[in-house]
Full PDB file with SEQRES, HELIX, SHEET, SSBOND, CRYST1, ORIGX, SCALE, CONECT and MASTER records, all heavy atoms in Angstrom:
SEQRES   1 A   40  THR VAL ARG GLU VAL TRP LEU THR GLY GLY PRO ALA PRO          
SEQRES   2 A   40  ASP HIS TYR VAL ASP VAL THR ASP VAL ILE ASP ARG LYS          
SEQRES   3 A   40  LEU ALA ALA LEU GLN SER HIS VAL SER GLN VAL ALA HIS          
SEQRES   4 A   40  VAL                                                          
HELIX    1 AA1 THR A   20  VAL A   22  5                                   3    
HELIX    2 AA2 ILE A   23  GLN A   31  1                                   9    
HELIX    3 AA3 VAL A   34  VAL A   37  1                                   4    
CRYST1    1.000    1.000    1.000  90.00  90.00  90.00 P 1           1          
ORIGX1      1.000000  0.000000  0.000000        0.00000                         
ORIGX2      0.000000  1.000000  0.000000        0.00000                         
ORIGX3      0.000000  0.000000  1.000000        0.00000                         
SCALE1      1.000000  0.000000  0.000000        0.00000                         
SCALE2      0.000000  1.000000  0.000000        0.00000                         
SCALE3      0.000000  0.000000  1.000000        0.00000                         
ATOM      1  N   THR A   1      -9.326  22.039  19.401  1.00  0.00           N  
ATOM      2  CA  THR A   1      -8.035  21.358  19.391  1.00  0.00           C  
ATOM      3  C   THR A   1      -7.470  21.278  20.801  1.00  0.00           C  
ATOM      4  O   THR A   1      -7.177  22.307  21.412  1.00  0.00           O  
ATOM      5  CB  THR A   1      -7.038  22.086  18.474  1.00  0.00           C  
ATOM      6  OG1 THR A   1      -7.542  22.064  17.126  1.00  0.00           O  
ATOM      7  CG2 THR A   1      -5.669  21.412  18.510  1.00  0.00           C  
ATOM      8  N   VAL A   2      -7.332  20.063  21.301  1.00  0.00           N  
ATOM      9  CA  VAL A   2      -6.650  19.823  22.578  1.00  0.00           C  
ATOM     10  C   VAL A   2      -5.152  19.914  22.322  1.00  0.00           C  
ATOM     11  O   VAL A   2      -4.626  19.312  21.390  1.00  0.00           O  
ATOM     12  CB  VAL A   2      -7.018  18.432  23.134  1.00  0.00           C  
ATOM     13  CG1 VAL A   2      -6.222  18.134  24.402  1.00  0.00           C  
ATOM     14  CG2 VAL A   2      -8.512  18.339  23.391  1.00  0.00           C  
ATOM     15  N   ARG A   3      -4.448  20.628  23.160  1.00  0.00           N  
ATOM     16  CA  ARG A   3      -3.036  20.894  22.895  1.00  0.00           C  
ATOM     17  C   ARG A   3      -2.097  19.823  23.430  1.00  0.00           C  
ATOM     18  O   ARG A   3      -0.959  19.697  22.962  1.00  0.00           O  
ATOM     19  CB  ARG A   3      -2.660  22.260  23.465  1.00  0.00           C  
ATOM     20  CG  ARG A   3      -3.453  23.404  22.825  1.00  0.00           C  
ATOM     21  CD  ARG A   3      -3.162  24.728  23.477  1.00  0.00           C  
ATOM     22  NE  ARG A   3      -1.754  25.108  23.324  1.00  0.00           N  
ATOM     23  CZ  ARG A   3      -1.193  26.123  23.978  1.00  0.00           C  
ATOM     24  NH1 ARG A   3      -1.911  26.828  24.839  1.00  0.00           N  
ATOM     25  NH2 ARG A   3       0.079  26.417  23.798  1.00  0.00           N  
ATOM     26  N   GLU A   4      -2.559  19.050  24.432  1.00  0.00           N  
ATOM     27  CA  GLU A   4      -1.668  18.048  25.017  1.00  0.00           C  
ATOM     28  C   GLU A   4      -2.500  16.985  25.722  1.00  0.00           C  
ATOM     29  O   GLU A   4      -3.591  17.257  26.212  1.00  0.00           O  
ATOM     30  CB  GLU A   4      -0.719  18.727  26.015  1.00  0.00           C  
ATOM     31  CG  GLU A   4       0.453  17.867  26.484  1.00  0.00           C  
ATOM     32  CD  GLU A   4       1.480  18.742  27.200  1.00  0.00           C  
ATOM     33  OE1 GLU A   4       1.346  18.933  28.429  1.00  0.00           O  
ATOM     34  OE2 GLU A   4       2.405  19.238  26.521  1.00  0.00           O  
ATOM     35  N   VAL A   5      -1.969  15.759  25.753  1.00  0.00           N  
ATOM     36  CA  VAL A   5      -2.595  14.644  26.454  1.00  0.00           C  
ATOM     37  C   VAL A   5      -1.576  14.048  27.417  1.00  0.00           C  
ATOM     38  O   VAL A   5      -0.396  13.888  27.065  1.00  0.00           O  
ATOM     39  CB  VAL A   5      -3.077  13.565  25.471  1.00  0.00           C  
ATOM     40  CG1 VAL A   5      -3.649  12.360  26.225  1.00  0.00           C  
ATOM     41  CG2 VAL A   5      -4.122  14.128  24.511  1.00  0.00           C  
ATOM     42  N   TRP A   6      -2.030  13.719  28.635  1.00  0.00           N  
ATOM     43  CA  TRP A   6      -1.213  12.970  29.583  1.00  0.00           C  
ATOM     44  C   TRP A   6      -1.851  11.593  29.751  1.00  0.00           C  
ATOM     45  O   TRP A   6      -3.046  11.475  30.019  1.00  0.00           O  
ATOM     46  CB  TRP A   6      -1.158  13.642  30.942  1.00  0.00           C  
ATOM     47  CG  TRP A   6      -0.434  14.960  30.982  1.00  0.00           C  
ATOM     48  CD1 TRP A   6       0.175  15.621  29.952  1.00  0.00           C  
ATOM     49  CD2 TRP A   6      -0.253  15.782  32.150  1.00  0.00           C  
ATOM     50  NE1 TRP A   6       0.720  16.796  30.394  1.00  0.00           N  
ATOM     51  CE2 TRP A   6       0.488  16.916  31.742  1.00  0.00           C  
ATOM     52  CE3 TRP A   6      -0.617  15.652  33.493  1.00  0.00           C  
ATOM     53  CZ2 TRP A   6       0.836  17.937  32.640  1.00  0.00           C  
ATOM     54  CZ3 TRP A   6      -0.276  16.650  34.378  1.00  0.00           C  
ATOM     55  CH2 TRP A   6       0.457  17.779  33.952  1.00  0.00           C  
ATOM     56  N   LEU A   7      -1.045  10.534  29.613  1.00  0.00           N  
ATOM     57  CA  LEU A   7      -1.519   9.166  29.741  1.00  0.00           C  
ATOM     58  C   LEU A   7      -1.093   8.577  31.077  1.00  0.00           C  
ATOM     59  O   LEU A   7       0.068   8.728  31.494  1.00  0.00           O  
ATOM     60  CB  LEU A   7      -0.958   8.307  28.613  1.00  0.00           C  
ATOM     61  CG  LEU A   7      -1.283   8.761  27.186  1.00  0.00           C  
ATOM     62  CD1 LEU A   7      -0.564   7.871  26.176  1.00  0.00           C  
ATOM     63  CD2 LEU A   7      -2.788   8.751  26.938  1.00  0.00           C  
ATOM     64  N   THR A   8      -2.004   7.884  31.749  1.00  0.00           N  
ATOM     65  CA  THR A   8      -1.698   7.217  33.013  1.00  0.00           C  
ATOM     66  C   THR A   8      -1.605   5.712  32.791  1.00  0.00           C  
ATOM     67  O   THR A   8      -2.237   5.163  31.889  1.00  0.00           O  
ATOM     68  CB  THR A   8      -2.772   7.496  34.075  1.00  0.00           C  
ATOM     69  OG1 THR A   8      -4.011   6.896  33.656  1.00  0.00           O  
ATOM     70  CG2 THR A   8      -2.981   8.983  34.276  1.00  0.00           C  
ATOM     71  N   GLY A   9      -0.835   5.045  33.645  1.00  0.00           N  
ATOM     72  CA  GLY A   9      -0.812   3.590  33.647  1.00  0.00           C  
ATOM     73  C   GLY A   9       0.077   2.943  32.615  1.00  0.00           C  
ATOM     74  O   GLY A   9       0.075   1.714  32.487  1.00  0.00           O  
ATOM     75  N   GLY A  10       0.843   3.720  31.873  1.00  0.00           N  
ATOM     76  CA  GLY A  10       1.705   3.152  30.845  1.00  0.00           C  
ATOM     77  C   GLY A  10       3.028   2.661  31.397  1.00  0.00           C  
ATOM     78  O   GLY A  10       3.392   2.940  32.537  1.00  0.00           O  
ATOM     79  N   PRO A  11       3.789   1.935  30.569  1.00  0.00           N  
ATOM     80  CA  PRO A  11       5.050   1.349  31.047  1.00  0.00           C  
ATOM     81  C   PRO A  11       6.228   2.310  31.066  1.00  0.00           C  
ATOM     82  O   PRO A  11       7.256   2.003  31.661  1.00  0.00           O  
ATOM     83  CB  PRO A  11       5.303   0.230  30.033  1.00  0.00           C  
ATOM     84  CG  PRO A  11       4.657   0.724  28.769  1.00  0.00           C  
ATOM     85  CD  PRO A  11       3.437   1.487  29.212  1.00  0.00           C  
ATOM     86  N   ALA A  12       6.101   3.475  30.422  1.00  0.00           N  
ATOM     87  CA  ALA A  12       7.266   4.353  30.284  1.00  0.00           C  
ATOM     88  C   ALA A  12       6.896   5.807  30.528  1.00  0.00           C  
ATOM     89  O   ALA A  12       6.921   6.637  29.610  1.00  0.00           O  
ATOM     90  CB  ALA A  12       7.887   4.196  28.895  1.00  0.00           C  
ATOM     91  N   PRO A  13       6.557   6.178  31.770  1.00  0.00           N  
ATOM     92  CA  PRO A  13       6.215   7.585  32.042  1.00  0.00           C  
ATOM     93  C   PRO A  13       7.421   8.481  31.836  1.00  0.00           C  
ATOM     94  O   PRO A  13       8.559   8.075  32.048  1.00  0.00           O  
ATOM     95  CB  PRO A  13       5.780   7.560  33.509  1.00  0.00           C  
ATOM     96  CG  PRO A  13       6.444   6.355  34.087  1.00  0.00           C  
ATOM     97  CD  PRO A  13       6.483   5.347  32.984  1.00  0.00           C  
ATOM     98  N   ASP A  14       7.132   9.712  31.414  1.00  0.00           N  
ATOM     99  CA  ASP A  14       8.212  10.678  31.202  1.00  0.00           C  
ATOM    100  C   ASP A  14       7.928  12.028  31.855  1.00  0.00           C  
ATOM    101  O   ASP A  14       8.637  12.997  31.635  1.00  0.00           O  
ATOM    102  CB  ASP A  14       8.491  10.861  29.711  1.00  0.00           C  
ATOM    103  CG  ASP A  14       7.254  11.263  28.913  1.00  0.00           C  
ATOM    104  OD1 ASP A  14       6.237  11.663  29.523  1.00  0.00           O  
ATOM    105  OD2 ASP A  14       7.296  11.169  27.667  1.00  0.00           O  
ATOM    106  N   HIS A  15       6.871  12.076  32.666  1.00  0.00           N  
ATOM    107  CA  HIS A  15       6.532  13.310  33.381  1.00  0.00           C  
ATOM    108  C   HIS A  15       5.970  12.936  34.740  1.00  0.00           C  
ATOM    109  O   HIS A  15       5.095  12.071  34.853  1.00  0.00           O  
ATOM    110  CB  HIS A  15       5.501  14.121  32.593  1.00  0.00           C  
ATOM    111  CG  HIS A  15       5.041  15.353  33.304  1.00  0.00           C  
ATOM    112  ND1 HIS A  15       5.898  16.335  33.745  1.00  0.00           N  
ATOM    113  CD2 HIS A  15       3.782  15.756  33.672  1.00  0.00           C  
ATOM    114  CE1 HIS A  15       5.215  17.296  34.334  1.00  0.00           C  
ATOM    115  NE2 HIS A  15       3.931  16.964  34.301  1.00  0.00           N  
ATOM    116  N   TYR A  16       6.499  13.583  35.775  1.00  0.00           N  
ATOM    117  CA  TYR A  16       6.092  13.289  37.146  1.00  0.00           C  
ATOM    118  C   TYR A  16       5.598  14.568  37.808  1.00  0.00           C  
ATOM    119  O   TYR A  16       6.204  15.625  37.654  1.00  0.00           O  
ATOM    120  CB  TYR A  16       7.257  12.717  37.942  1.00  0.00           C  
ATOM    121  CG  TYR A  16       7.811  11.427  37.359  1.00  0.00           C  
ATOM    122  CD1 TYR A  16       8.805  11.462  36.383  1.00  0.00           C  
ATOM    123  CD2 TYR A  16       7.323  10.190  37.767  1.00  0.00           C  
ATOM    124  CE1 TYR A  16       9.303  10.288  35.829  1.00  0.00           C  
ATOM    125  CE2 TYR A  16       7.813   9.013  37.227  1.00  0.00           C  
ATOM    126  CZ  TYR A  16       8.810   9.072  36.257  1.00  0.00           C  
ATOM    127  OH  TYR A  16       9.290   7.901  35.713  1.00  0.00           O  
ATOM    128  N   VAL A  17       4.503  14.447  38.535  1.00  0.00           N  
ATOM    129  CA  VAL A  17       3.934  15.578  39.265  1.00  0.00           C  
ATOM    130  C   VAL A  17       4.092  15.303  40.755  1.00  0.00           C  
ATOM    131  O   VAL A  17       3.623  14.271  41.264  1.00  0.00           O  
ATOM    132  CB  VAL A  17       2.450  15.779  38.911  1.00  0.00           C  
ATOM    133  CG1 VAL A  17       1.848  16.892  39.761  1.00  0.00           C  
ATOM    134  CG2 VAL A  17       2.292  16.085  37.427  1.00  0.00           C  
ATOM    135  N   ASP A  18       4.748  16.206  41.458  1.00  0.00           N  
ATOM    136  CA  ASP A  18       4.933  16.087  42.906  1.00  0.00           C  
ATOM    137  C   ASP A  18       3.605  16.397  43.589  1.00  0.00           C  
ATOM    138  O   ASP A  18       3.127  17.538  43.545  1.00  0.00           O  
ATOM    139  CB  ASP A  18       6.027  17.042  43.377  1.00  0.00           C  
ATOM    140  CG  ASP A  18       6.423  16.829  44.842  1.00  0.00           C  
ATOM    141  OD1 ASP A  18       5.559  16.412  45.640  1.00  0.00           O  
ATOM    142  OD2 ASP A  18       7.586  17.105  45.179  1.00  0.00           O  
ATOM    143  N   VAL A  19       3.005  15.381  44.206  1.00  0.00           N  
ATOM    144  CA  VAL A  19       1.696  15.551  44.840  1.00  0.00           C  
ATOM    145  C   VAL A  19       1.794  15.465  46.364  1.00  0.00           C  
ATOM    146  O   VAL A  19       0.786  15.245  47.049  1.00  0.00           O  
ATOM    147  CB  VAL A  19       0.676  14.518  44.308  1.00  0.00           C  
ATOM    148  CG1 VAL A  19       0.462  14.700  42.821  1.00  0.00           C  
ATOM    149  CG2 VAL A  19       1.119  13.087  44.615  1.00  0.00           C  
ATOM    150  N   THR A  20       2.998  15.663  46.888  1.00  0.00           N  
ATOM    151  CA  THR A  20       3.209  15.536  48.334  1.00  0.00           C  
ATOM    152  C   THR A  20       2.278  16.447  49.124  1.00  0.00           C  
ATOM    153  O   THR A  20       1.696  16.031  50.140  1.00  0.00           O  
ATOM    154  CB  THR A  20       4.671  15.870  48.681  1.00  0.00           C  
ATOM    155  OG1 THR A  20       5.540  15.074  47.868  1.00  0.00           O  
ATOM    156  CG2 THR A  20       4.957  15.608  50.147  1.00  0.00           C  
ATOM    157  N   ASP A  21       2.116  17.678  48.652  1.00  0.00           N  
ATOM    158  CA  ASP A  21       1.318  18.653  49.409  1.00  0.00           C  
ATOM    159  C   ASP A  21      -0.171  18.325  49.401  1.00  0.00           C  
ATOM    160  O   ASP A  21      -0.924  18.884  50.218  1.00  0.00           O  
ATOM    161  CB  ASP A  21       1.535  20.065  48.844  1.00  0.00           C  
ATOM    162  CG  ASP A  21       2.935  20.593  49.110  1.00  0.00           C  
ATOM    163  OD1 ASP A  21       3.633  20.017  49.972  1.00  0.00           O  
ATOM    164  OD2 ASP A  21       3.333  21.576  48.453  1.00  0.00           O  
ATOM    165  N   VAL A  22      -0.600  17.433  48.496  1.00  0.00           N  
ATOM    166  CA  VAL A  22      -2.028  17.097  48.412  1.00  0.00           C  
ATOM    167  C   VAL A  22      -2.267  15.602  48.593  1.00  0.00           C  
ATOM    168  O   VAL A  22      -3.357  15.104  48.275  1.00  0.00           O  
ATOM    169  CB  VAL A  22      -2.634  17.576  47.068  1.00  0.00           C  
ATOM    170  CG1 VAL A  22      -2.655  19.096  47.005  1.00  0.00           C  
ATOM    171  CG2 VAL A  22      -1.890  16.985  45.873  1.00  0.00           C  
ATOM    172  N   ILE A  23      -1.268  14.889  49.117  1.00  0.00           N  
ATOM    173  CA  ILE A  23      -1.425  13.441  49.241  1.00  0.00           C  
ATOM    174  C   ILE A  23      -2.581  13.077  50.157  1.00  0.00           C  
ATOM    175  O   ILE A  23      -3.289  12.074  49.923  1.00  0.00           O  
ATOM    176  CB  ILE A  23      -0.108  12.772  49.716  1.00  0.00           C  
ATOM    177  CG1 ILE A  23      -0.191  11.251  49.587  1.00  0.00           C  
ATOM    178  CG2 ILE A  23       0.246  13.202  51.133  1.00  0.00           C  
ATOM    179  CD1 ILE A  23      -0.299  10.739  48.167  1.00  0.00           C  
ATOM    180  N   ASP A  24      -2.847  13.888  51.184  1.00  0.00           N  
ATOM    181  CA  ASP A  24      -3.971  13.584  52.074  1.00  0.00           C  
ATOM    182  C   ASP A  24      -5.297  13.715  51.348  1.00  0.00           C  
ATOM    183  O   ASP A  24      -6.233  12.937  51.610  1.00  0.00           O  
ATOM    184  CB  ASP A  24      -3.947  14.500  53.294  1.00  0.00           C  
ATOM    185  CG  ASP A  24      -2.811  14.170  54.255  1.00  0.00           C  
ATOM    186  OD1 ASP A  24      -2.248  13.064  54.151  1.00  0.00           O  
ATOM    187  OD2 ASP A  24      -2.474  15.037  55.096  1.00  0.00           O  
ATOM    188  N   ARG A  25      -5.394  14.677  50.437  1.00  0.00           N  
ATOM    189  CA  ARG A  25      -6.633  14.829  49.656  1.00  0.00           C  
ATOM    190  C   ARG A  25      -6.777  13.692  48.649  1.00  0.00           C  
ATOM    191  O   ARG A  25      -7.889  13.211  48.388  1.00  0.00           O  
ATOM    192  CB  ARG A  25      -6.654  16.191  48.971  1.00  0.00           C  
ATOM    193  CG  ARG A  25      -6.892  17.333  49.956  1.00  0.00           C  
ATOM    194  CD  ARG A  25      -6.418  18.660  49.435  1.00  0.00           C  
ATOM    195  NE  ARG A  25      -7.170  19.126  48.274  1.00  0.00           N  
ATOM    196  CZ  ARG A  25      -6.814  20.185  47.552  1.00  0.00           C  
ATOM    197  NH1 ARG A  25      -5.715  20.876  47.870  1.00  0.00           N  
ATOM    198  NH2 ARG A  25      -7.541  20.562  46.526  1.00  0.00           N  
ATOM    199  N   LYS A  26      -5.662  13.260  48.072  1.00  0.00           N  
ATOM    200  CA  LYS A  26      -5.710  12.101  47.168  1.00  0.00           C  
ATOM    201  C   LYS A  26      -6.185  10.862  47.924  1.00  0.00           C  
ATOM    202  O   LYS A  26      -7.047  10.115  47.434  1.00  0.00           O  
ATOM    203  CB  LYS A  26      -4.332  11.861  46.558  1.00  0.00           C  
ATOM    204  CG  LYS A  26      -4.251  10.653  45.610  1.00  0.00           C  
ATOM    205  CD  LYS A  26      -2.849  10.488  45.067  1.00  0.00           C  
ATOM    206  CE  LYS A  26      -2.720   9.239  44.191  1.00  0.00           C  
ATOM    207  NZ  LYS A  26      -3.372   9.412  42.875  1.00  0.00           N  
ATOM    208  N   LEU A  27      -5.648  10.649  49.114  1.00  0.00           N  
ATOM    209  CA  LEU A  27      -6.076   9.512  49.924  1.00  0.00           C  
ATOM    210  C   LEU A  27      -7.548   9.627  50.307  1.00  0.00           C  
ATOM    211  O   LEU A  27      -8.277   8.630  50.293  1.00  0.00           O  
ATOM    212  CB  LEU A  27      -5.212   9.410  51.178  1.00  0.00           C  
ATOM    213  CG  LEU A  27      -3.822   8.822  50.975  1.00  0.00           C  
ATOM    214  CD1 LEU A  27      -2.979   9.011  52.234  1.00  0.00           C  
ATOM    215  CD2 LEU A  27      -3.900   7.350  50.604  1.00  0.00           C  
ATOM    216  N   ALA A  28      -7.992  10.827  50.650  1.00  0.00           N  
ATOM    217  CA  ALA A  28      -9.406  11.016  50.993  1.00  0.00           C  
ATOM    218  C   ALA A  28     -10.292  10.691  49.802  1.00  0.00           C  
ATOM    219  O   ALA A  28     -11.362  10.088  49.955  1.00  0.00           O  
ATOM    220  CB  ALA A  28      -9.637  12.453  51.463  1.00  0.00           C  
ATOM    221  N   ALA A  29      -9.839  11.090  48.606  1.00  0.00           N  
ATOM    222  CA  ALA A  29     -10.601  10.761  47.398  1.00  0.00           C  
ATOM    223  C   ALA A  29     -10.667   9.248  47.215  1.00  0.00           C  
ATOM    224  O   ALA A  29     -11.750   8.678  46.975  1.00  0.00           O  
ATOM    225  CB  ALA A  29      -9.956  11.422  46.185  1.00  0.00           C  
ATOM    226  N   LEU A  30      -9.542   8.574  47.338  1.00  0.00           N  
ATOM    227  CA  LEU A  30      -9.525   7.122  47.172  1.00  0.00           C  
ATOM    228  C   LEU A  30     -10.372   6.420  48.223  1.00  0.00           C  
ATOM    229  O   LEU A  30     -11.098   5.457  47.922  1.00  0.00           O  
ATOM    230  CB  LEU A  30      -8.080   6.624  47.230  1.00  0.00           C  
ATOM    231  CG  LEU A  30      -7.266   6.861  45.956  1.00  0.00           C  
ATOM    232  CD1 LEU A  30      -5.778   6.685  46.221  1.00  0.00           C  
ATOM    233  CD2 LEU A  30      -7.726   5.909  44.854  1.00  0.00           C  
ATOM    234  N   GLN A  31     -10.311   6.898  49.451  1.00  0.00           N  
ATOM    235  CA  GLN A  31     -11.064   6.256  50.523  1.00  0.00           C  
ATOM    236  C   GLN A  31     -12.562   6.548  50.444  1.00  0.00           C  
ATOM    237  O   GLN A  31     -13.355   5.916  51.155  1.00  0.00           O  
ATOM    238  CB  GLN A  31     -10.471   6.656  51.872  1.00  0.00           C  
ATOM    239  CG  GLN A  31      -9.103   6.030  52.099  1.00  0.00           C  
ATOM    240  CD  GLN A  31      -8.339   6.624  53.264  1.00  0.00           C  
ATOM    241  OE1 GLN A  31      -8.485   7.806  53.584  1.00  0.00           O  
ATOM    242  NE2 GLN A  31      -7.511   5.818  53.908  1.00  0.00           N  
ATOM    243  N   SER A  32     -12.944   7.466  49.553  1.00  0.00           N  
ATOM    244  CA  SER A  32     -14.368   7.681  49.296  1.00  0.00           C  
ATOM    245  C   SER A  32     -14.986   6.489  48.562  1.00  0.00           C  
ATOM    246  O   SER A  32     -16.205   6.296  48.615  1.00  0.00           O  
ATOM    247  CB  SER A  32     -14.574   8.947  48.454  1.00  0.00           C  
ATOM    248  OG  SER A  32     -14.131  10.101  49.136  1.00  0.00           O  
ATOM    249  N   HIS A  33     -14.150   5.700  47.912  1.00  0.00           N  
ATOM    250  CA  HIS A  33     -14.627   4.533  47.168  1.00  0.00           C  
ATOM    251  C   HIS A  33     -14.698   3.332  48.113  1.00  0.00           C  
ATOM    252  O   HIS A  33     -13.977   2.339  47.969  1.00  0.00           O  
ATOM    253  CB  HIS A  33     -13.700   4.259  45.983  1.00  0.00           C  
ATOM    254  CG  HIS A  33     -13.639   5.379  45.004  1.00  0.00           C  
ATOM    255  ND1 HIS A  33     -14.617   5.589  44.060  1.00  0.00           N  
ATOM    256  CD2 HIS A  33     -12.725   6.370  44.837  1.00  0.00           C  
ATOM    257  CE1 HIS A  33     -14.302   6.660  43.342  1.00  0.00           C  
ATOM    258  NE2 HIS A  33     -13.162   7.149  43.798  1.00  0.00           N  
ATOM    259  N   VAL A  34     -15.603   3.438  49.066  1.00  0.00           N  
ATOM    260  CA  VAL A  34     -15.695   2.443  50.137  1.00  0.00           C  
ATOM    261  C   VAL A  34     -15.953   1.049  49.569  1.00  0.00           C  
ATOM    262  O   VAL A  34     -15.386   0.052  50.036  1.00  0.00           O  
ATOM    263  CB  VAL A  34     -16.803   2.839  51.134  1.00  0.00           C  
ATOM    264  CG1 VAL A  34     -16.977   1.765  52.202  1.00  0.00           C  
ATOM    265  CG2 VAL A  34     -16.479   4.184  51.772  1.00  0.00           C  
ATOM    266  N   SER A  35     -16.784   0.963  48.555  1.00  0.00           N  
ATOM    267  CA  SER A  35     -17.133  -0.344  47.995  1.00  0.00           C  
ATOM    268  C   SER A  35     -15.937  -1.034  47.352  1.00  0.00           C  
ATOM    269  O   SER A  35     -15.962  -2.247  47.136  1.00  0.00           O  
ATOM    270  CB  SER A  35     -18.251  -0.193  46.961  1.00  0.00           C  
ATOM    271  OG  SER A  35     -17.793   0.539  45.820  1.00  0.00           O  
ATOM    272  N   GLN A  36     -14.896  -0.279  47.049  1.00  0.00           N  
ATOM    273  CA  GLN A  36     -13.734  -0.834  46.366  1.00  0.00           C  
ATOM    274  C   GLN A  36     -12.543  -1.077  47.287  1.00  0.00           C  
ATOM    275  O   GLN A  36     -11.743  -1.979  47.043  1.00  0.00           O  
ATOM    276  CB  GLN A  36     -13.283   0.112  45.247  1.00  0.00           C  
ATOM    277  CG  GLN A  36     -14.392   0.554  44.313  1.00  0.00           C  
ATOM    278  CD  GLN A  36     -15.090  -0.617  43.649  1.00  0.00           C  
ATOM    279  OE1 GLN A  36     -14.465  -1.371  42.905  1.00  0.00           O  
ATOM    280  NE2 GLN A  36     -16.374  -0.769  43.912  1.00  0.00           N  
ATOM    281  N   VAL A  37     -12.370  -0.253  48.309  1.00  0.00           N  
ATOM    282  CA  VAL A  37     -11.109  -0.281  49.054  1.00  0.00           C  
ATOM    283  C   VAL A  37     -11.247  -0.571  50.539  1.00  0.00           C  
ATOM    284  O   VAL A  37     -10.240  -0.804  51.215  1.00  0.00           O  
ATOM    285  CB  VAL A  37     -10.339   1.052  48.870  1.00  0.00           C  
ATOM    286  CG1 VAL A  37     -10.159   1.374  47.391  1.00  0.00           C  
ATOM    287  CG2 VAL A  37     -11.024   2.207  49.592  1.00  0.00           C  
ATOM    288  N   ALA A  38     -12.466  -0.577  51.063  1.00  0.00           N  
ATOM    289  CA  ALA A  38     -12.620  -0.720  52.518  1.00  0.00           C  
ATOM    290  C   ALA A  38     -12.071  -2.045  53.030  1.00  0.00           C  
ATOM    291  O   ALA A  38     -11.652  -2.148  54.190  1.00  0.00           O  
ATOM    292  CB  ALA A  38     -14.087  -0.585  52.906  1.00  0.00           C  
ATOM    293  N   HIS A  39     -12.040  -3.059  52.184  1.00  0.00           N  
ATOM    294  CA  HIS A  39     -11.593  -4.382  52.604  1.00  0.00           C  
ATOM    295  C   HIS A  39     -10.075  -4.547  52.542  1.00  0.00           C  
ATOM    296  O   HIS A  39      -9.550  -5.566  52.998  1.00  0.00           O  
ATOM    297  CB  HIS A  39     -12.221  -5.447  51.699  1.00  0.00           C  
ATOM    298  CG  HIS A  39     -11.743  -5.384  50.278  1.00  0.00           C  
ATOM    299  ND1 HIS A  39     -12.120  -4.363  49.429  1.00  0.00           N  
ATOM    300  CD2 HIS A  39     -10.901  -6.186  49.573  1.00  0.00           C  
ATOM    301  CE1 HIS A  39     -11.537  -4.559  48.251  1.00  0.00           C  
ATOM    302  NE2 HIS A  39     -10.792  -5.650  48.318  1.00  0.00           N  
ATOM    303  N   VAL A  40      -9.350  -3.570  51.992  1.00  0.00           N  
ATOM    304  CA  VAL A  40      -7.908  -3.698  51.778  1.00  0.00           C  
ATOM    305  C   VAL A  40      -7.161  -3.337  53.053  1.00  0.00           C  
ATOM    306  O   VAL A  40      -7.211  -2.190  53.513  1.00  0.00           O  
ATOM    307  CB  VAL A  40      -7.435  -2.807  50.612  1.00  0.00           C  
ATOM    308  CG1 VAL A  40      -5.924  -2.965  50.414  1.00  0.00           C  
ATOM    309  CG2 VAL A  40      -8.189  -3.156  49.332  1.00  0.00           C  
TER     310      VAL A  40                                                      
MASTER        0    0    0    3    0    0    0    6  309    1    0    4          
END                                                                             
């Protein structure tokens, strides 16, 4: 039994996670997808 689900991309979010301290790691993860984002 999974106790909770968090959904992304919906029109009415009700929970926010402060990711300021890890924003550089999030960006590094995104920039790893060279085939998708290098042209942006």
